[in-house]
PDB file of N, CA and C in Angstrom:
ATOM      1  N   UNK A   1     -19.682 -57.306 -29.131  1.00  0.00           N
ATOM      2  CA  UNK A   1     -19.196 -56.182 -29.897  1.00  0.00           C
ATOM      3  C   UNK A   1     -19.916 -54.918 -29.428  1.00  0.00           C
ATOM      4  N   UNK A   2     -19.200 -53.831 -29.395  1.00  0.00           N
ATOM      5  CA  UNK A   2     -19.783 -52.558 -28.967  1.00  0.00           C
ATOM      6  C   UNK A   2     -20.863 -52.111 -29.945  1.00  0.00           C
ATOM      7  N   UNK A   3     -21.880 -51.473 -29.407  1.00  0.00           N
ATOM      8  CA  UNK A   3     -22.962 -50.921 -30.228  1.00  0.00           C
ATOM      9  C   UNK A   3     -22.834 -49.409 -30.250  1.00  0.00           C
ATOM     10  N   UNK A   4     -22.991 -48.824 -31.426  1.00  0.00           N
ATOM     11  CA  UNK A   4     -23.004 -47.371 -31.574  1.00  0.00           C
ATOM     12  C   UNK A   4     -24.404 -46.995 -32.022  1.00  0.00           C
ATOM     13  N   UNK A   5     -25.083 -46.190 -31.206  1.00  0.00           N
ATOM     14  CA  UNK A   5     -26.460 -45.802 -31.464  1.00  0.00           C
ATOM     15  C   UNK A   5     -26.541 -44.285 -31.565  1.00  0.00           C
ATOM     16  N   UNK A   6     -27.313 -43.816 -32.528  1.00  0.00           N
ATOM     17  CA  UNK A   6     -27.529 -42.375 -32.672  1.00  0.00           C
ATOM     18  C   UNK A   6     -28.951 -42.079 -32.210  1.00  0.00           C
ATOM     19  N   UNK A   7     -29.062 -41.207 -31.200  1.00  0.00           N
ATOM     20  CA  UNK A   7     -30.377 -40.797 -30.700  1.00  0.00           C
ATOM     21  C   UNK A   7     -30.707 -39.423 -31.275  1.00  0.00           C
ATOM     22  N   UNK A   8     -31.752 -38.802 -30.782  1.00  0.00           N
ATOM     23  CA  UNK A   8     -32.137 -37.490 -31.304  1.00  0.00           C
ATOM     24  C   UNK A   8     -31.089 -36.416 -31.043  1.00  0.00           C
ATOM     25  N   UNK A   9     -30.303 -36.561 -29.969  1.00  0.00           N
ATOM     26  CA  UNK A   9     -29.329 -35.523 -29.654  1.00  0.00           C
ATOM     27  C   UNK A   9     -27.944 -36.032 -29.242  1.00  0.00           C
ATOM     28  N   UNK A  10     -27.700 -37.344 -29.401  1.00  0.00           N
ATOM     29  CA  UNK A  10     -26.407 -37.860 -28.955  1.00  0.00           C
ATOM     30  C   UNK A  10     -26.002 -39.141 -29.679  1.00  0.00           C
ATOM     31  N   UNK A  11     -24.744 -39.487 -29.486  1.00  0.00           N
ATOM     32  CA  UNK A  11     -24.200 -40.775 -29.909  1.00  0.00           C
ATOM     33  C   UNK A  11     -23.944 -41.550 -28.629  1.00  0.00           C
ATOM     34  N   UNK A  12     -24.402 -42.786 -28.581  1.00  0.00           N
ATOM     35  CA  UNK A  12     -24.177 -43.630 -27.409  1.00  0.00           C
ATOM     36  C   UNK A  12     -23.346 -44.827 -27.854  1.00  0.00           C
ATOM     37  N   UNK A  13     -22.194 -45.010 -27.219  1.00  0.00           N
ATOM     38  CA  UNK A  13     -21.344 -46.167 -27.480  1.00  0.00           C
ATOM     39  C   UNK A  13     -21.479 -47.081 -26.269  1.00  0.00           C
ATOM     40  N   UNK A  14     -22.007 -48.277 -26.515  1.00  0.00           N
ATOM     41  CA  UNK A  14     -22.256 -49.228 -25.438  1.00  0.00           C
ATOM     42  C   UNK A  14     -21.401 -50.467 -25.660  1.00  0.00           C
ATOM     43  N   UNK A  15     -20.367 -50.649 -24.834  1.00  0.00           N
ATOM     44  CA  UNK A  15     -19.531 -51.843 -24.999  1.00  0.00           C
ATOM     45  C   UNK A  15     -20.257 -53.099 -24.574  1.00  0.00           C
ATOM     46  N   UNK A  16     -19.886 -54.222 -25.209  1.00  0.00           N
ATOM     47  CA  UNK A  16     -20.389 -55.520 -24.785  1.00  0.00           C
ATOM     48  C   UNK A  16     -19.777 -55.880 -23.439  1.00  0.00           C
ATOM     49  N   UNK A  17     -20.216 -56.965 -22.841  1.00  0.00           N
ATOM     50  CA  UNK A  17     -19.759 -57.322 -21.492  1.00  0.00           C
ATOM     51  C   UNK A  17     -18.253 -57.552 -21.421  1.00  0.00           C
ATOM     52  N   UNK A  18     -17.681 -58.274 -22.383  1.00  0.00           N
ATOM     53  CA  UNK A  18     -16.226 -58.494 -22.373  1.00  0.00           C
ATOM     54  C   UNK A  18     -15.472 -57.198 -22.647  1.00  0.00           C
ATOM     55  N   UNK A  19     -16.024 -56.361 -23.517  1.00  0.00           N
ATOM     56  CA  UNK A  19     -15.377 -55.082 -23.826  1.00  0.00           C
ATOM     57  C   UNK A  19     -15.357 -54.164 -22.602  1.00  0.00           C
ATOM     58  N   UNK A  20     -16.380 -54.233 -21.780  1.00  0.00           N
ATOM     59  CA  UNK A  20     -16.390 -53.425 -20.552  1.00  0.00           C
ATOM     60  C   UNK A  20     -15.241 -53.823 -19.642  1.00  0.00           C
ATOM     61  N   UNK A  21     -14.993 -55.130 -19.563  1.00  0.00           N
ATOM     62  CA  UNK A  21     -13.920 -55.626 -18.699  1.00  0.00           C
ATOM     63  C   UNK A  21     -12.558 -55.271 -19.278  1.00  0.00           C
ATOM     64  N   UNK A  22     -12.330 -55.623 -20.549  1.00  0.00           N
ATOM     65  CA  UNK A  22     -11.011 -55.429 -21.152  1.00  0.00           C
ATOM     66  C   UNK A  22     -10.757 -53.990 -21.576  1.00  0.00           C
ATOM     67  N   UNK A  23     -11.805 -53.273 -21.928  1.00  0.00           N
ATOM     68  CA  UNK A  23     -11.662 -51.882 -22.338  1.00  0.00           C
ATOM     69  C   UNK A  23     -11.679 -50.910 -21.185  1.00  0.00           C
ATOM     70  N   UNK A  24     -12.023 -51.412 -20.000  1.00  0.00           N
ATOM     71  CA  UNK A  24     -12.033 -50.604 -18.785  1.00  0.00           C
ATOM     72  C   UNK A  24     -12.917 -49.372 -18.909  1.00  0.00           C
ATOM     73  N   UNK A  25     -14.065 -49.552 -19.574  1.00  0.00           N
ATOM     74  CA  UNK A  25     -14.996 -48.438 -19.721  1.00  0.00           C
ATOM     75  C   UNK A  25     -16.426 -48.956 -19.847  1.00  0.00           C
ATOM     76  N   UNK A  26     -17.350 -48.133 -19.445  1.00  0.00           N
ATOM     77  CA  UNK A  26     -18.761 -48.434 -19.611  1.00  0.00           C
ATOM     78  C   UNK A  26     -19.317 -47.644 -20.773  1.00  0.00           C
ATOM     79  N   UNK A  27     -20.631 -47.505 -20.848  1.00  0.00           N
ATOM     80  CA  UNK A  27     -21.249 -46.735 -21.930  1.00  0.00           C
ATOM     81  C   UNK A  27     -20.798 -45.272 -21.902  1.00  0.00           C
ATOM     82  N   UNK A  28     -20.667 -44.700 -23.091  1.00  0.00           N
ATOM     83  CA  UNK A  28     -20.263 -43.299 -23.230  1.00  0.00           C
ATOM     84  C   UNK A  28     -21.291 -42.604 -24.113  1.00  0.00           C
ATOM     85  N   UNK A  29     -21.752 -41.439 -23.663  1.00  0.00           N
ATOM     86  CA  UNK A  29     -22.713 -40.645 -24.430  1.00  0.00           C
ATOM     87  C   UNK A  29     -22.059 -39.339 -24.839  1.00  0.00           C
ATOM     88  N   UNK A  30     -22.102 -39.047 -26.131  1.00  0.00           N
ATOM     89  CA  UNK A  30     -21.492 -37.842 -26.698  1.00  0.00           C
ATOM     90  C   UNK A  30     -22.593 -37.032 -27.382  1.00  0.00           C
ATOM     91  N   UNK A  31     -22.707 -35.735 -27.107  1.00  0.00           N
ATOM     92  CA  UNK A  31     -23.733 -34.942 -27.797  1.00  0.00           C
ATOM     93  C   UNK A  31     -23.421 -34.826 -29.291  1.00  0.00           C
ATOM     94  N   UNK A  32     -24.458 -34.824 -30.120  1.00  0.00           N
ATOM     95  CA  UNK A  32     -24.256 -34.678 -31.558  1.00  0.00           C
ATOM     96  C   UNK A  32     -23.575 -33.365 -31.913  1.00  0.00           C
ATOM     97  N   UNK A  33     -23.725 -32.368 -31.074  1.00  0.00           N
ATOM     98  CA  UNK A  33     -23.075 -31.085 -31.338  1.00  0.00           C
ATOM     99  C   UNK A  33     -21.551 -31.186 -31.274  1.00  0.00           C
ATOM    100  N   UNK A  34     -21.031 -32.264 -30.704  1.00  0.00           N
ATOM    101  CA  UNK A  34     -19.576 -32.454 -30.616  1.00  0.00           C
ATOM    102  C   UNK A  34     -18.987 -33.059 -31.888  1.00  0.00           C
ATOM    103  N   UNK A  35     -19.822 -33.599 -32.787  1.00  0.00           N
ATOM    104  CA  UNK A  35     -19.324 -34.271 -33.988  1.00  0.00           C
ATOM    105  C   UNK A  35     -18.805 -33.253 -34.995  1.00  0.00           C
ATOM    106  N   UNK A  36     -17.532 -33.428 -35.392  1.00  0.00           N
ATOM    107  CA  UNK A  36     -16.922 -32.595 -36.438  1.00  0.00           C
ATOM    108  C   UNK A  36     -17.005 -33.273 -37.799  1.00  0.00           C
ATOM    109  N   UNK A  37     -16.757 -34.595 -37.837  1.00  0.00           N
ATOM    110  CA  UNK A  37     -16.831 -35.343 -39.091  1.00  0.00           C
ATOM    111  C   UNK A  37     -16.940 -36.829 -38.782  1.00  0.00           C
ATOM    112  N   UNK A  38     -17.337 -37.593 -39.806  1.00  0.00           N
ATOM    113  CA  UNK A  38     -17.434 -39.044 -39.658  1.00  0.00           C
ATOM    114  C   UNK A  38     -17.147 -39.687 -40.996  1.00  0.00           C
ATOM    115  N   UNK A  39     -16.477 -40.839 -40.952  1.00  0.00           N
ATOM    116  CA  UNK A  39     -16.204 -41.568 -42.184  1.00  0.00           C
ATOM    117  C   UNK A  39     -16.195 -43.066 -41.910  1.00  0.00           C
ATOM    118  N   UNK A  40     -16.631 -43.821 -42.906  1.00  0.00           N
ATOM    119  CA  UNK A  40     -16.541 -45.275 -42.836  1.00  0.00           C
ATOM    120  C   UNK A  40     -15.098 -45.657 -43.171  1.00  0.00           C
ATOM    121  N   UNK A  41     -14.551 -46.635 -42.449  1.00  0.00           N
ATOM    122  CA  UNK A  41     -13.176 -47.076 -42.678  1.00  0.00           C
ATOM    123  C   UNK A  41     -13.146 -48.599 -42.812  1.00  0.00           C
ATOM    124  N   UNK A  42     -12.278 -49.080 -43.688  1.00  0.00           N
ATOM    125  CA  UNK A  42     -12.162 -50.523 -43.903  1.00  0.00           C
ATOM    126  C   UNK A  42     -11.393 -51.217 -42.791  1.00  0.00           C
ATOM    127  N   UNK A  43     -10.427 -50.499 -42.192  1.00  0.00           N
ATOM    128  CA  UNK A  43      -9.559 -51.109 -41.174  1.00  0.00           C
ATOM    129  C   UNK A  43      -9.495 -50.206 -39.939  1.00  0.00           C
ATOM    130  N   UNK A  44     -10.557 -50.186 -39.133  1.00  0.00           N
ATOM    131  CA  UNK A  44     -10.567 -49.296 -37.975  1.00  0.00           C
ATOM    132  C   UNK A  44      -9.443 -49.587 -36.986  1.00  0.00           C
ATOM    133  N   UNK A  45      -8.985 -50.811 -36.928  1.00  0.00           N
ATOM    134  CA  UNK A  45      -7.909 -51.169 -36.006  1.00  0.00           C
ATOM    135  C   UNK A  45      -6.627 -50.394 -36.340  1.00  0.00           C
ATOM    136  N   UNK A  46      -6.464 -50.009 -37.609  1.00  0.00           N
ATOM    137  CA  UNK A  46      -5.276 -49.266 -38.041  1.00  0.00           C
ATOM    138  C   UNK A  46      -5.386 -47.769 -37.760  1.00  0.00           C
ATOM    139  N   UNK A  47      -6.542 -47.304 -37.322  1.00  0.00           N
ATOM    140  CA  UNK A  47      -6.771 -45.875 -37.082  1.00  0.00           C
ATOM    141  C   UNK A  47      -6.288 -45.415 -35.699  1.00  0.00           C
ATOM    142  N   UNK A  48      -5.931 -46.347 -34.844  1.00  0.00           N
ATOM    143  CA  UNK A  48      -5.553 -45.992 -33.473  1.00  0.00           C
ATOM    144  C   UNK A  48      -4.094 -45.583 -33.401  1.00  0.00           C
ATOM    145  N   UNK A  49      -3.769 -44.775 -32.362  1.00  0.00           N
ATOM    146  CA  UNK A  49      -2.380 -44.354 -32.164  1.00  0.00           C
ATOM    147  C   UNK A  49      -2.177 -43.910 -30.717  1.00  0.00           C
ATOM    148  N   UNK A  50      -0.933 -43.974 -30.294  1.00  0.00           N
ATOM    149  CA  UNK A  50      -0.576 -43.492 -28.958  1.00  0.00           C
ATOM    150  C   UNK A  50      -0.692 -44.549 -27.885  1.00  0.00           C
ATOM    151  N   UNK A  51      -0.446 -44.117 -26.657  1.00  0.00           N
ATOM    152  CA  UNK A  51      -0.545 -44.993 -25.499  1.00  0.00           C
ATOM    153  C   UNK A  51      -1.986 -45.397 -25.258  1.00  0.00           C
ATOM    154  N   UNK A  52      -2.172 -46.421 -24.442  1.00  0.00           N
ATOM    155  CA  UNK A  52      -3.531 -46.922 -24.258  1.00  0.00           C
ATOM    156  C   UNK A  52      -3.846 -47.257 -22.810  1.00  0.00           C
ATOM    157  N   UNK A  53      -5.132 -47.296 -22.540  1.00  0.00           N
ATOM    158  CA  UNK A  53      -5.699 -47.771 -21.289  1.00  0.00           C
ATOM    159  C   UNK A  53      -6.796 -48.725 -21.714  1.00  0.00           C
ATOM    160  N   UNK A  54      -6.483 -50.002 -21.726  1.00  0.00           N
ATOM    161  CA  UNK A  54      -7.416 -50.987 -22.240  1.00  0.00           C
ATOM    162  C   UNK A  54      -6.670 -52.209 -22.703  1.00  0.00           C
ATOM    163  N   UNK A  55      -7.196 -52.887 -23.718  1.00  0.00           N
ATOM    164  CA  UNK A  55      -6.605 -54.147 -24.175  1.00  0.00           C
ATOM    165  C   UNK A  55      -6.216 -54.071 -25.644  1.00  0.00           C
ATOM    166  N   UNK A  56      -5.097 -54.720 -25.960  1.00  0.00           N
ATOM    167  CA  UNK A  56      -4.628 -54.832 -27.339  1.00  0.00           C
ATOM    168  C   UNK A  56      -4.186 -56.268 -27.566  1.00  0.00           C
ATOM    169  N   UNK A  57      -4.859 -56.948 -28.456  1.00  0.00           N
ATOM    170  CA  UNK A  57      -4.457 -58.286 -28.873  1.00  0.00           C
ATOM    171  C   UNK A  57      -3.910 -58.106 -30.288  1.00  0.00           C
ATOM    172  N   UNK A  58      -2.569 -58.108 -30.442  1.00  0.00           N
ATOM    173  CA  UNK A  58      -1.965 -57.791 -31.748  1.00  0.00           C
ATOM    174  C   UNK A  58      -2.591 -58.584 -32.899  1.00  0.00           C
ATOM    175  N   UNK A  59      -2.976 -57.835 -33.920  1.00  0.00           N
ATOM    176  CA  UNK A  59      -3.563 -58.431 -35.102  1.00  0.00           C
ATOM    177  C   UNK A  59      -5.026 -58.805 -34.980  1.00  0.00           C
ATOM    178  N   UNK A  60      -5.619 -58.641 -33.789  1.00  0.00           N
ATOM    179  CA  UNK A  60      -7.015 -59.045 -33.603  1.00  0.00           C
ATOM    180  C   UNK A  60      -7.932 -57.940 -33.103  1.00  0.00           C
ATOM    181  N   UNK A  61      -7.533 -57.241 -32.038  1.00  0.00           N
ATOM    182  CA  UNK A  61      -8.460 -56.282 -31.441  1.00  0.00           C
ATOM    183  C   UNK A  61      -7.741 -55.198 -30.657  1.00  0.00           C
ATOM    184  N   UNK A  62      -8.387 -54.032 -30.592  1.00  0.00           N
ATOM    185  CA  UNK A  62      -7.984 -52.927 -29.722  1.00  0.00           C
ATOM    186  C   UNK A  62      -9.256 -52.401 -29.078  1.00  0.00           C
ATOM    187  N   UNK A  63      -9.262 -52.359 -27.739  1.00  0.00           N
ATOM    188  CA  UNK A  63     -10.451 -51.969 -26.995  1.00  0.00           C
ATOM    189  C   UNK A  63     -10.036 -51.080 -25.840  1.00  0.00           C
ATOM    190  N   UNK A  64     -10.629 -49.895 -25.721  1.00  0.00           N
ATOM    191  CA  UNK A  64     -10.341 -49.007 -24.604  1.00  0.00           C
ATOM    192  C   UNK A  64     -10.099 -47.578 -25.057  1.00  0.00           C
ATOM    193  N   UNK A  65      -9.226 -46.888 -24.325  1.00  0.00           N
ATOM    194  CA  UNK A  65      -8.886 -45.498 -24.622  1.00  0.00           C
ATOM    195  C   UNK A  65      -7.464 -45.448 -25.143  1.00  0.00           C
ATOM    196  N   UNK A  66      -7.281 -44.857 -26.312  1.00  0.00           N
ATOM    197  CA  UNK A  66      -5.965 -44.690 -26.918  1.00  0.00           C
ATOM    198  C   UNK A  66      -5.610 -43.210 -26.914  1.00  0.00           C
ATOM    199  N   UNK A  67      -4.308 -42.937 -27.093  1.00  0.00           N
ATOM    200  CA  UNK A  67      -3.837 -41.558 -27.172  1.00  0.00           C
ATOM    201  C   UNK A  67      -3.645 -40.911 -25.821  1.00  0.00           C
ATOM    202  N   UNK A  68      -3.239 -41.689 -24.837  1.00  0.00           N
ATOM    203  CA  UNK A  68      -3.023 -41.119 -23.501  1.00  0.00           C
ATOM    204  C   UNK A  68      -1.824 -40.183 -23.527  1.00  0.00           C
ATOM    205  N   UNK A  69      -1.780 -39.277 -22.587  1.00  0.00           N
ATOM    206  CA  UNK A  69      -0.723 -38.262 -22.565  1.00  0.00           C
ATOM    207  C   UNK A  69      -1.157 -37.064 -23.380  1.00  0.00           C
ATOM    208  N   UNK A  70      -0.294 -36.626 -24.276  1.00  0.00           N
ATOM    209  CA  UNK A  70      -0.582 -35.428 -25.065  1.00  0.00           C
ATOM    210  C   UNK A  70      -1.183 -35.735 -26.427  1.00  0.00           C
ATOM    211  N   UNK A  71      -1.492 -37.004 -26.699  1.00  0.00           N
ATOM    212  CA  UNK A  71      -1.993 -37.387 -28.004  1.00  0.00           C
ATOM    213  C   UNK A  71      -3.472 -37.124 -28.188  1.00  0.00           C
ATOM    214  N   UNK A  72      -3.950 -37.519 -29.359  1.00  0.00           N
ATOM    215  CA  UNK A  72      -5.373 -37.451 -29.680  1.00  0.00           C
ATOM    216  C   UNK A  72      -6.053 -38.560 -28.901  1.00  0.00           C
ATOM    217  N   UNK A  73      -7.000 -38.218 -28.056  1.00  0.00           N
ATOM    218  CA  UNK A  73      -7.685 -39.195 -27.198  1.00  0.00           C
ATOM    219  C   UNK A  73      -8.778 -39.884 -27.998  1.00  0.00           C
ATOM    220  N   UNK A  74      -8.691 -41.224 -28.090  1.00  0.00           N
ATOM    221  CA  UNK A  74      -9.616 -42.013 -28.894  1.00  0.00           C
ATOM    222  C   UNK A  74     -10.337 -43.050 -28.041  1.00  0.00           C
ATOM    223  N   UNK A  75     -11.643 -43.148 -28.205  1.00  0.00           N
ATOM    224  CA  UNK A  75     -12.430 -44.237 -27.630  1.00  0.00           C
ATOM    225  C   UNK A  75     -12.489 -45.310 -28.708  1.00  0.00           C
ATOM    226  N   UNK A  76     -11.966 -46.515 -28.410  1.00  0.00           N
ATOM    227  CA  UNK A  76     -11.742 -47.522 -29.455  1.00  0.00           C
ATOM    228  C   UNK A  76     -12.379 -48.863 -29.098  1.00  0.00           C
ATOM    229  N   UNK A  77     -13.119 -49.407 -30.065  1.00  0.00           N
ATOM    230  CA  UNK A  77     -13.628 -50.778 -30.024  1.00  0.00           C
ATOM    231  C   UNK A  77     -13.461 -51.310 -31.441  1.00  0.00           C
ATOM    232  N   UNK A  78     -12.233 -51.702 -31.795  1.00  0.00           N
ATOM    233  CA  UNK A  78     -11.891 -52.041 -33.179  1.00  0.00           C
ATOM    234  C   UNK A  78     -11.374 -53.471 -33.291  1.00  0.00           C
ATOM    235  N   UNK A  79     -11.774 -54.125 -34.391  1.00  0.00           N
ATOM    236  CA  UNK A  79     -11.418 -55.523 -34.612  1.00  0.00           C
ATOM    237  C   UNK A  79     -10.873 -55.710 -36.020  1.00  0.00           C
ATOM    238  N   UNK A  80      -9.911 -56.613 -36.140  1.00  0.00           N
ATOM    239  CA  UNK A  80      -9.308 -56.928 -37.429  1.00  0.00           C
ATOM    240  C   UNK A  80     -10.357 -57.501 -38.376  1.00  0.00           C
ATOM    241  N   UNK A  81     -10.254 -57.140 -39.636  1.00  0.00           N
ATOM    242  CA  UNK A  81     -11.122 -57.657 -40.701  1.00  0.00           C
ATOM    243  C   UNK A  81     -12.587 -57.302 -40.526  1.00  0.00           C
ATOM    244  N   UNK A  82     -12.869 -56.243 -39.785  1.00  0.00           N
ATOM    245  CA  UNK A  82     -14.250 -55.756 -39.655  1.00  0.00           C
ATOM    246  C   UNK A  82     -14.259 -54.264 -39.961  1.00  0.00           C
ATOM    247  N   UNK A  83     -15.159 -53.823 -40.840  1.00  0.00           N
ATOM    248  CA  UNK A  83     -15.222 -52.393 -41.152  1.00  0.00           C
ATOM    249  C   UNK A  83     -15.694 -51.605 -39.937  1.00  0.00           C
ATOM    250  N   UNK A  84     -15.550 -50.298 -40.019  1.00  0.00           N
ATOM    251  CA  UNK A  84     -15.975 -49.497 -38.885  1.00  0.00           C
ATOM    252  C   UNK A  84     -16.225 -48.051 -39.237  1.00  0.00           C
ATOM    253  N   UNK A  85     -16.420 -47.260 -38.195  1.00  0.00           N
ATOM    254  CA  UNK A  85     -16.662 -45.831 -38.318  1.00  0.00           C
ATOM    255  C   UNK A  85     -15.615 -45.081 -37.498  1.00  0.00           C
ATOM    256  N   UNK A  86     -15.143 -43.968 -38.053  1.00  0.00           N
ATOM    257  CA  UNK A  86     -14.178 -43.094 -37.382  1.00  0.00           C
ATOM    258  C   UNK A  86     -14.839 -41.724 -37.279  1.00  0.00           C
ATOM    259  N   UNK A  87     -15.155 -41.326 -36.064  1.00  0.00           N
ATOM    260  CA  UNK A  87     -15.847 -40.054 -35.815  1.00  0.00           C
ATOM    261  C   UNK A  87     -14.875 -39.102 -35.132  1.00  0.00           C
ATOM    262  N   UNK A  88     -14.717 -37.902 -35.702  1.00  0.00           N
ATOM    263  CA  UNK A  88     -13.867 -36.869 -35.098  1.00  0.00           C
ATOM    264  C   UNK A  88     -14.757 -35.902 -34.324  1.00  0.00           C
ATOM    265  N   UNK A  89     -14.288 -35.536 -33.125  1.00  0.00           N
ATOM    266  CA  UNK A  89     -15.117 -34.775 -32.188  1.00  0.00           C
ATOM    267  C   UNK A  89     -14.451 -33.486 -31.742  1.00  0.00           C
ATOM    268  N   UNK A  90     -15.264 -32.589 -31.210  1.00  0.00           N
ATOM    269  CA  UNK A  90     -14.783 -31.427 -30.479  1.00  0.00           C
ATOM    270  C   UNK A  90     -14.578 -31.907 -29.037  1.00  0.00           C
ATOM    271  N   UNK A  91     -13.334 -32.000 -28.610  1.00  0.00           N
ATOM    272  CA  UNK A  91     -13.007 -32.593 -27.305  1.00  0.00           C
ATOM    273  C   UNK A  91     -13.685 -31.874 -26.139  1.00  0.00           C
ATOM    274  N   UNK A  92     -13.869 -30.580 -26.261  1.00  0.00           N
ATOM    275  CA  UNK A  92     -14.473 -29.818 -25.168  1.00  0.00           C
ATOM    276  C   UNK A  92     -15.936 -30.198 -24.930  1.00  0.00           C
ATOM    277  N   UNK A  93     -16.571 -30.781 -25.937  1.00  0.00           N
ATOM    278  CA  UNK A  93     -17.983 -31.146 -25.824  1.00  0.00           C
ATOM    279  C   UNK A  93     -18.207 -32.649 -25.708  1.00  0.00           C
ATOM    280  N   UNK A  94     -17.125 -33.439 -25.652  1.00  0.00           N
ATOM    281  CA  UNK A  94     -17.285 -34.881 -25.846  1.00  0.00           C
ATOM    282  C   UNK A  94     -16.668 -35.764 -24.771  1.00  0.00           C
ATOM    283  N   UNK A  95     -16.843 -35.436 -23.529  1.00  0.00           N
ATOM    284  CA  UNK A  95     -16.326 -36.266 -22.438  1.00  0.00           C
ATOM    285  C   UNK A  95     -14.829 -36.524 -22.578  1.00  0.00           C
ATOM    286  N   UNK A  96     -14.109 -35.531 -23.091  1.00  0.00           N
ATOM    287  CA  UNK A  96     -12.649 -35.587 -23.175  1.00  0.00           C
ATOM    288  C   UNK A  96     -12.124 -36.554 -24.241  1.00  0.00           C
ATOM    289  N   UNK A  97     -12.916 -36.840 -25.270  1.00  0.00           N
ATOM    290  CA  UNK A  97     -12.448 -37.646 -26.404  1.00  0.00           C
ATOM    291  C   UNK A  97     -12.353 -36.769 -27.642  1.00  0.00           C
ATOM    292  N   UNK A  98     -11.315 -37.038 -28.466  1.00  0.00           N
ATOM    293  CA  UNK A  98     -11.163 -36.362 -29.757  1.00  0.00           C
ATOM    294  C   UNK A  98     -11.765 -37.189 -30.886  1.00  0.00           C
ATOM    295  N   UNK A  99     -11.812 -38.515 -30.690  1.00  0.00           N
ATOM    296  CA  UNK A  99     -12.277 -39.411 -31.745  1.00  0.00           C
ATOM    297  C   UNK A  99     -12.946 -40.651 -31.149  1.00  0.00           C
ATOM    298  N   UNK A 100     -13.860 -41.223 -31.927  1.00  0.00           N
ATOM    299  CA  UNK A 100     -14.462 -42.519 -31.610  1.00  0.00           C
ATOM    300  C   UNK A 100     -14.183 -43.422 -32.806  1.00  0.00           C
ATOM    301  N   UNK A 101     -13.683 -44.624 -32.521  1.00  0.00           N
ATOM    302  CA  UNK A 101     -13.421 -45.608 -33.573  1.00  0.00           C
ATOM    303  C   UNK A 101     -14.097 -46.909 -33.143  1.00  0.00           C
ATOM    304  N   UNK A 102     -15.081 -47.353 -33.930  1.00  0.00           N
ATOM    305  CA  UNK A 102     -15.850 -48.542 -33.568  1.00  0.00           C
ATOM    306  C   UNK A 102     -16.027 -49.428 -34.793  1.00  0.00           C
ATOM    307  N   UNK A 103     -15.727 -50.714 -34.653  1.00  0.00           N
ATOM    308  CA  UNK A 103     -16.048 -51.683 -35.704  1.00  0.00           C
ATOM    309  C   UNK A 103     -17.551 -51.903 -35.708  1.00  0.00           C
ATOM    310  N   UNK A 104     -18.148 -51.768 -36.878  1.00  0.00           N
ATOM    311  CA  UNK A 104     -19.586 -51.975 -37.021  1.00  0.00           C
ATOM    312  C   UNK A 104     -19.901 -52.268 -38.479  1.00  0.00           C
ATOM    313  N   UNK A 105     -20.764 -53.233 -38.746  1.00  0.00           N
ATOM    314  CA  UNK A 105     -21.083 -53.562 -40.137  1.00  0.00           C
ATOM    315  C   UNK A 105     -21.910 -52.490 -40.845  1.00  0.00           C
ATOM    316  N   UNK A 106     -22.555 -51.602 -40.087  1.00  0.00           N
ATOM    317  CA  UNK A 106     -23.404 -50.575 -40.700  1.00  0.00           C
ATOM    318  C   UNK A 106     -22.760 -49.186 -40.649  1.00  0.00           C
ATOM    319  N   UNK A 107     -21.443 -49.129 -40.792  1.00  0.00           N
ATOM    320  CA  UNK A 107     -20.716 -47.857 -40.708  1.00  0.00           C
ATOM    321  C   UNK A 107     -21.210 -46.841 -41.737  1.00  0.00           C
ATOM    322  N   UNK A 108     -21.405 -47.267 -42.971  1.00  0.00           N
ATOM    323  CA  UNK A 108     -21.846 -46.326 -44.013  1.00  0.00           C
ATOM    324  C   UNK A 108     -23.192 -45.713 -43.667  1.00  0.00           C
ATOM    325  N   UNK A 109     -24.113 -46.509 -43.150  1.00  0.00           N
ATOM    326  CA  UNK A 109     -25.435 -45.987 -42.763  1.00  0.00           C
ATOM    327  C   UNK A 109     -25.301 -44.977 -41.629  1.00  0.00           C
ATOM    328  N   UNK A 110     -24.432 -45.271 -40.661  1.00  0.00           N
ATOM    329  CA  UNK A 110     -24.229 -44.353 -39.539  1.00  0.00           C
ATOM    330  C   UNK A 110     -23.621 -43.035 -40.004  1.00  0.00           C
ATOM    331  N   UNK A 111     -22.672 -43.100 -40.929  1.00  0.00           N
ATOM    332  CA  UNK A 111     -22.068 -41.879 -41.475  1.00  0.00           C
ATOM    333  C   UNK A 111     -23.123 -41.056 -42.184  1.00  0.00           C
ATOM    334  N   UNK A 112     -23.969 -41.706 -42.988  1.00  0.00           N
ATOM    335  CA  UNK A 112     -25.051 -40.998 -43.674  1.00  0.00           C
ATOM    336  C   UNK A 112     -25.977 -40.310 -42.686  1.00  0.00           C
ATOM    337  N   UNK A 113     -26.329 -41.012 -41.628  1.00  0.00           N
ATOM    338  CA  UNK A 113     -27.231 -40.430 -40.621  1.00  0.00           C
ATOM    339  C   UNK A 113     -26.576 -39.249 -39.908  1.00  0.00           C
ATOM    340  N   UNK A 114     -25.299 -39.388 -39.529  1.00  0.00           N
ATOM    341  CA  UNK A 114     -24.598 -38.290 -38.858  1.00  0.00           C
ATOM    342  C   UNK A 114     -24.453 -37.084 -39.783  1.00  0.00           C
ATOM    343  N   UNK A 115     -24.150 -37.339 -41.038  1.00  0.00           N
ATOM    344  CA  UNK A 115     -23.983 -36.246 -42.008  1.00  0.00           C
ATOM    345  C   UNK A 115     -25.308 -35.511 -42.221  1.00  0.00           C
ATOM    346  N   UNK A 116     -26.400 -36.241 -42.275  1.00  0.00           N
ATOM    347  CA  UNK A 116     -27.714 -35.625 -42.462  1.00  0.00           C
ATOM    348  C   UNK A 116     -28.105 -34.737 -41.291  1.00  0.00           C
ATOM    349  N   UNK A 117     -27.631 -35.099 -40.103  1.00  0.00           N
ATOM    350  CA  UNK A 117     -27.970 -34.315 -38.908  1.00  0.00           C
ATOM    351  C   UNK A 117     -27.017 -33.151 -38.685  1.00  0.00           C
ATOM    352  N   UNK A 118     -25.869 -33.213 -39.350  1.00  0.00           N
ATOM    353  CA  UNK A 118     -24.808 -32.276 -39.087  1.00  0.00           C
ATOM    354  C   UNK A 118     -24.894 -30.944 -39.644  1.00  0.00           C
TER     355      UNK A 118
END
C-alpha cells in the first residue's frame, strides 16, 4: 500500500512495489505550499474521475494517474473498503497534479497535521 508522509516542507507519496508497477509511477514529492485543502474520505475509490494511466480493478482498486486530458489530474492509490485522504492542490506548484487520493488508515491524523501547518 502506498505511504503518505508529511515532512517539514512537503508531502511524499511513496507507492509500494506492486503499485509502482501497476500505477506506472514512482515516489512523488509535493511542497506543502501547494496544498489547498484536505479531507478524510470513507470511500476514496469513489473520488476518482476521468481517463487514467495506471490500473483499475473494478470494485477493488484504482492506482495511477486519473483525469488525463482536460480533466482534474489526480494521483491515486485507492482501495475498496479502506478509508483515505483527498488532498486538493495548486497544480502549478504540485508536479502537475490537482489532487492526491490515497487509502490510508490514519487519514484523519494526516488531515489534522496538514490543517495545522496550513
